[in-house]
Amino acid sequence: MSEQDIDHFIKTDGLDEEREKLIGQHIGYRYDVNLVPDYSRLTPFLEKYIDVMGWPDLNWLEDVHMGYEESRPAVFDRNINGWVGVPENIALPDNQQDRDMLARELLVKFQMSENHPMVALKEAYAKF
């Protein structure tokens, strides 16, 4: 690995990889290992989900984190462009990685539930 100038990101656009140049932005987890999920912290549900789906990783969930809406814990669902509140009876873990895994689990469960708004859209607009 070549050593870069300390001011590399100030003097250049900082987009080093071909993919970064193509999309015009940094790929965050290349620089911050905290953005990559710690798979030793998978919830039992997510372990089974990965196994059933046959996907070896959670790439599509890497940027899902526990957030807050109006001071309440929540997960952002891009499909509905809105926050999904965490039920009050769920105790949040102290560790951020564990909270993020819980957020991923809650998001997947919500997206699979009959209460997800996309279900109503499918019923209203599906052709078959």
C-alpha atoms as a PDB file:
ATOM      1  CA  MET A   1       0.000   0.000   0.000  1.00  0.00           C
ATOM      2  CA  SER A   2       1.444   3.372  -0.974  1.00  0.00           C
ATOM      3  CA  GLU A   3       1.676   6.122   1.571  1.00  0.00           C
ATOM      4  CA  GLN A   4      -0.555   9.097   0.836  1.00  0.00           C
ATOM      5  CA  ASP A   5       0.058  12.768   1.460  1.00  0.00           C
ATOM      6  CA  ILE A   6      -1.510  13.800   4.774  1.00  0.00           C
ATOM      7  CA  ASP A   7      -3.514  16.478   2.924  1.00  0.00           C
ATOM      8  CA  HIS A   8      -4.700  14.044   0.238  1.00  0.00           C
ATOM      9  CA  PHE A   9      -8.403  14.687   0.920  1.00  0.00           C
ATOM     10  CA  ILE A  10      -7.908  18.466   0.988  1.00  0.00           C
ATOM     11  CA  LYS A  11      -5.881  18.653  -2.232  1.00  0.00           C
ATOM     12  CA  THR A  12      -7.989  16.171  -4.228  1.00  0.00           C
ATOM     13  CA  ASP A  13     -11.593  15.073  -4.430  1.00  0.00           C
ATOM     14  CA  GLY A  14     -10.484  12.043  -2.374  1.00  0.00           C
ATOM     15  CA  LEU A  15     -12.283   9.588  -4.593  1.00  0.00           C
ATOM     16  CA  ASP A  16      -9.617   6.928  -5.004  1.00  0.00           C
ATOM     17  CA  GLU A  17     -11.383   3.745  -6.011  1.00  0.00           C
ATOM     18  CA  GLU A  18     -12.979   3.290  -9.426  1.00  0.00           C
ATOM     19  CA  ARG A  19     -16.382   2.678  -7.843  1.00  0.00           C
ATOM     20  CA  GLU A  20     -16.077   5.883  -5.791  1.00  0.00           C
ATOM     21  CA  LYS A  21     -15.274   7.855  -8.923  1.00  0.00           C
ATOM     22  CA  LEU A  22     -18.244   6.296 -10.703  1.00  0.00           C
ATOM     23  CA  ILE A  23     -20.754   7.158  -7.971  1.00  0.00           C
ATOM     24  CA  GLY A  24     -19.036  10.412  -6.971  1.00  0.00           C
ATOM     25  CA  GLN A  25     -18.800   9.714  -3.272  1.00  0.00           C
ATOM     26  CA  HIS A  26     -16.778   7.843  -0.676  1.00  0.00           C
ATOM     27  CA  ILE A  27     -17.577   4.285   0.264  1.00  0.00           C
ATOM     28  CA  GLY A  28     -17.634   4.901   4.006  1.00  0.00           C
ATOM     29  CA  TYR A  29     -16.866   1.456   5.376  1.00  0.00           C
ATOM     30  CA  ARG A  30     -13.519   1.480   3.538  1.00  0.00           C
ATOM     31  CA  TYR A  31     -12.372   4.142   5.986  1.00  0.00           C
ATOM     32  CA  ASP A  32     -14.291   3.424   9.172  1.00  0.00           C
ATOM     33  CA  VAL A  33     -14.440  -0.175  10.372  1.00  0.00           C
ATOM     34  CA  ASN A  34     -17.179   0.836  12.818  1.00  0.00           C
ATOM     35  CA  LEU A  35     -19.556   1.037   9.854  1.00  0.00           C
ATOM     36  CA  VAL A  36     -19.119  -2.661   9.054  1.00  0.00           C
ATOM     37  CA  PRO A  37     -21.432  -4.898  11.111  1.00  0.00           C
ATOM     38  CA  ASP A  38     -19.775  -7.131  13.691  1.00  0.00           C
ATOM     39  CA  TYR A  39     -21.183 -10.515  12.707  1.00  0.00           C
ATOM     40  CA  SER A  40     -20.441 -11.957  16.130  1.00  0.00           C
ATOM     41  CA  ARG A  41     -23.302  -9.728  17.343  1.00  0.00           C
ATOM     42  CA  LEU A  42     -25.951 -11.074  14.951  1.00  0.00           C
ATOM     43  CA  THR A  43     -29.306 -11.672  16.590  1.00  0.00           C
ATOM     44  CA  PRO A  44     -30.681 -15.213  16.344  1.00  0.00           C
ATOM     45  CA  PHE A  45     -33.363 -13.909  13.955  1.00  0.00           C
ATOM     46  CA  LEU A  46     -30.772 -12.355  11.610  1.00  0.00           C
ATOM     47  CA  GLU A  47     -28.653 -15.526  11.695  1.00  0.00           C
ATOM     48  CA  LYS A  48     -31.669 -17.563  10.594  1.00  0.00           C
ATOM     49  CA  TYR A  49     -32.670 -14.899   8.049  1.00  0.00           C
ATOM     50  CA  ILE A  50     -29.232 -15.002   6.405  1.00  0.00           C
ATOM     51  CA  ASP A  51     -29.345 -18.801   6.370  1.00  0.00           C
ATOM     52  CA  VAL A  52     -32.868 -19.031   4.912  1.00  0.00           C
ATOM     53  CA  MET A  53     -32.238 -16.339   2.290  1.00  0.00           C
ATOM     54  CA  GLY A  54     -28.912 -17.899   1.328  1.00  0.00           C
ATOM     55  CA  TRP A  55     -27.113 -14.561   1.559  1.00  0.00           C
ATOM     56  CA  PRO A  56     -23.642 -14.700   3.116  1.00  0.00           C
ATOM     57  CA  ASP A  57     -23.767 -11.137   4.460  1.00  0.00           C
ATOM     58  CA  LEU A  58     -25.855  -8.127   5.403  1.00  0.00           C
ATOM     59  CA  ASN A  59     -24.503  -5.736   2.763  1.00  0.00           C
ATOM     60  CA  TRP A  60     -27.908  -4.229   2.104  1.00  0.00           C
ATOM     61  CA  LEU A  61     -28.336  -3.560   5.832  1.00  0.00           C
ATOM     62  CA  GLU A  62     -24.867  -2.175   6.593  1.00  0.00           C
ATOM     63  CA  ASP A  63     -26.077   1.403   6.725  1.00  0.00           C
ATOM     64  CA  VAL A  64     -29.094   0.644   8.944  1.00  0.00           C
ATOM     65  CA  HIS A  65     -28.527   2.033  12.425  1.00  0.00           C
ATOM     66  CA  MET A  66     -30.598   2.729  15.499  1.00  0.00           C
ATOM     67  CA  GLY A  67     -31.627   6.348  15.332  1.00  0.00           C
ATOM     68  CA  TYR A  68     -34.069   8.591  17.130  1.00  0.00           C
ATOM     69  CA  GLU A  69     -37.220  10.385  16.099  1.00  0.00           C
ATOM     70  CA  GLU A  70     -38.590  12.919  18.543  1.00  0.00           C
ATOM     71  CA  SER A  71     -36.344  11.485  21.295  1.00  0.00           C
ATOM     72  CA  ARG A  72     -37.698   7.962  20.782  1.00  0.00           C
ATOM     73  CA  PRO A  73     -35.579   5.104  19.389  1.00  0.00           C
ATOM     74  CA  ALA A  74     -36.463   4.434  15.762  1.00  0.00           C
ATOM     75  CA  VAL A  75     -35.212   2.854  12.548  1.00  0.00           C
ATOM     76  CA  PHE A  76     -35.396   4.634   9.196  1.00  0.00           C
ATOM     77  CA  ASP A  77     -37.166   2.654   6.471  1.00  0.00           C
ATOM     78  CA  ARG A  78     -36.176   3.907   3.022  1.00  0.00           C
ATOM     79  CA  ASN A  79     -39.084   2.095   1.381  1.00  0.00           C
ATOM     80  CA  ILE A  80     -41.612   4.306   3.140  1.00  0.00           C
ATOM     81  CA  ASN A  81     -39.220   7.245   3.603  1.00  0.00           C
ATOM     82  CA  GLY A  82     -40.043   7.399   7.275  1.00  0.00           C
ATOM     83  CA  TRP A  83     -39.105   6.370  10.773  1.00  0.00           C
ATOM     84  CA  VAL A  84     -40.382   3.184  12.375  1.00  0.00           C
ATOM     85  CA  GLY A  85     -40.577   3.528  16.141  1.00  0.00           C
ATOM     86  CA  VAL A  86     -39.086   0.852  18.361  1.00  0.00           C
ATOM     87  CA  PRO A  87     -41.808  -0.658  20.590  1.00  0.00           C
ATOM     88  CA  GLU A  88     -41.579   0.703  24.131  1.00  0.00           C
ATOM     89  CA  ASN A  89     -41.391  -2.776  25.666  1.00  0.00           C
ATOM     90  CA  ILE A  90     -38.051  -3.501  23.934  1.00  0.00           C
ATOM     91  CA  ALA A  91     -35.027  -2.742  26.097  1.00  0.00           C
ATOM     92  CA  LEU A  92     -32.150  -1.275  24.111  1.00  0.00           C
ATOM     93  CA  PRO A  93     -28.688  -2.800  24.601  1.00  0.00           C
ATOM     94  CA  ASP A  94     -25.884  -0.554  25.860  1.00  0.00           C
ATOM     95  CA  ASN A  95     -23.573  -1.350  22.949  1.00  0.00           C
ATOM     96  CA  GLN A  96     -24.119   0.588  19.691  1.00  0.00           C
ATOM     97  CA  GLN A  97     -23.322  -2.467  17.531  1.00  0.00           C
ATOM     98  CA  ASP A  98     -25.980  -4.445  19.420  1.00  0.00           C
ATOM     99  CA  ARG A  99     -28.499  -1.593  19.006  1.00  0.00           C
ATOM    100  CA  ASP A 100     -27.730  -1.500  15.275  1.00  0.00           C
ATOM    101  CA  MET A 101     -28.266  -5.275  14.966  1.00  0.00           C
ATOM    102  CA  LEU A 102     -31.565  -4.885  16.789  1.00  0.00           C
ATOM    103  CA  ALA A 103     -32.479  -2.057  14.389  1.00  0.00           C
ATOM    104  CA  ARG A 104     -31.696  -4.314  11.412  1.00  0.00           C
ATOM    105  CA  GLU A 105     -33.835  -7.093  12.848  1.00  0.00           C
ATOM    106  CA  LEU A 106     -36.748  -4.751  13.546  1.00  0.00           C
ATOM    107  CA  LEU A 107     -36.540  -3.257  10.053  1.00  0.00           C
ATOM    108  CA  VAL A 108     -36.571  -6.674   8.356  1.00  0.00           C
ATOM    109  CA  LYS A 109     -39.470  -7.844  10.519  1.00  0.00           C
ATOM    110  CA  PHE A 110     -41.443  -4.658   9.785  1.00  0.00           C
ATOM    111  CA  GLN A 111     -40.788  -4.901   6.054  1.00  0.00           C
ATOM    112  CA  MET A 112     -42.036  -8.499   6.107  1.00  0.00           C
ATOM    113  CA  SER A 113     -45.141  -7.730   8.173  1.00  0.00           C
ATOM    114  CA  GLU A 114     -48.667  -7.189   6.928  1.00  0.00           C
ATOM    115  CA  ASN A 115     -48.549  -3.750   8.575  1.00  0.00           C
ATOM    116  CA  HIS A 116     -45.930  -2.443   6.143  1.00  0.00           C
ATOM    117  CA  PRO A 117     -47.409   0.239   3.831  1.00  0.00           C
ATOM    118  CA  MET A 118     -45.949  -1.494   0.772  1.00  0.00           C
ATOM    119  CA  VAL A 119     -48.414  -4.361   1.348  1.00  0.00           C
ATOM    120  CA  ALA A 120     -51.348  -1.978   0.851  1.00  0.00           C
ATOM    121  CA  LEU A 121     -49.716  -0.590  -2.298  1.00  0.00           C
ATOM    122  CA  LYS A 122     -49.195  -4.077  -3.681  1.00  0.00           C
ATOM    123  CA  GLU A 123     -52.813  -4.998  -3.032  1.00  0.00           C
ATOM    124  CA  ALA A 124     -54.035  -1.784  -4.652  1.00  0.00           C
ATOM    125  CA  TYR A 125     -51.767  -1.725  -7.706  1.00  0.00           C
ATOM    126  CA  ALA A 126     -50.602  -5.283  -8.419  1.00  0.00           C
ATOM    127  CA  LYS A 127     -51.595  -6.437 -11.888  1.00  0.00           C
ATOM    128  CA  PHE A 128     -51.588 -10.138 -11.136  1.00  0.00           C
END
